């Protein structure tokens, strides 16, 4: 029977589980189950760690994106540039907020937005840019993208769903644009089960976001509706879990970096596969470990062979790209072949297992099975 290595696994040491139980009991006994003390403390801790003035907790990363975009007051004639290799939520949030997403291709060396392609796509209709930090890697071109936004008077949003604790030039994800959106979905480096958070230094965004997340009410205790809001609230139990997880964030990143170092050393020497290069000025949280296969390697056959050997790979970030998704082909008229870099790299990307509790033995087992599978296919 082969050893079983999962693609991802949440990190809850026993002492953290005990702490969470105490918090849950306290919350349930208080009767205050939403937007109360734990939410405020979660927001405070998150903003402090990510070096921003404000954080607004919500019930998903998708909600965080849409709230930010609605704070920007986009009209139906306005466009927002979005990398084509992202999850549907990034583009869908633009549509739900009243705008039109326009896809850009990626730099194959970083998997993030390509500055030259961004510049080609900017028109008089362009209102802003959403840059996506892929797999925990902050977009290495973020400074150049920020300068473009300043030159063209565009807003800049970070889709930082993958990037808790990641940095570039010692600046934190979520602090690099007008606002950032994080996710706490179960696969992320820290989780609240479901949940999200907005980061910003802009007080106007904070004030409107708090109204929008709570049905458009002027305040939590009021029934006066001043905006067309929605139920995007986070509950107190999720916030309590988030507080406990946040205290582990530094440790989590260090443990994942240690696994990535083992992978890097092995995959650099392995035939048919190479690790994604991480720039020296970037602290990657390694939400995903990303490697690129040679063009003659069939990824699906490789993944099937690895699964037989007990190694399950994580989902790619992202495949298929949005121009190959039926919905966006219908809505935006995009087609296969429109974004050659994203399509090429997306087909060849593979994400070996990566989770915080992974030890040296398990990492070496993954490497051994990759070597075997690459020889066998």
Foldseek 3Di string as FASTA:
>chain_A
DFAAFDQEDADQPPVNVVQLVVQVVVCVVVVAWFDDDLQVVLFVLQCVLQVAPTKHKWFWLLLQLLLLLLLLVAAQQAEEEEALLADPSNQVSQVVSHYHYDYFFPDLLQRWGDLVRVVVPDDPRYAAYETEQFQQHDDPCLVVRQVVCVVVVHFYEYACQAHRNKDFLNHGPQERTQKYKYWQDPLHLHHLPGIIMMGHNDVSSVQSSQCQCQQQANHPPDPDHDDRHDPGTDISSSSSSSVSRSVCQVVLQVLQVVLLVVVQVLQCPAPFKHWRDHDPRMRGSRSWGKMFGDPVDQVVQLQVQLVVNNWHWDQDSDPPGNLPDPVCCVVPVRHPPPHVSNRRRRRGMTTTRTYRPDDPVNSVSSSVSSNVSVVVD
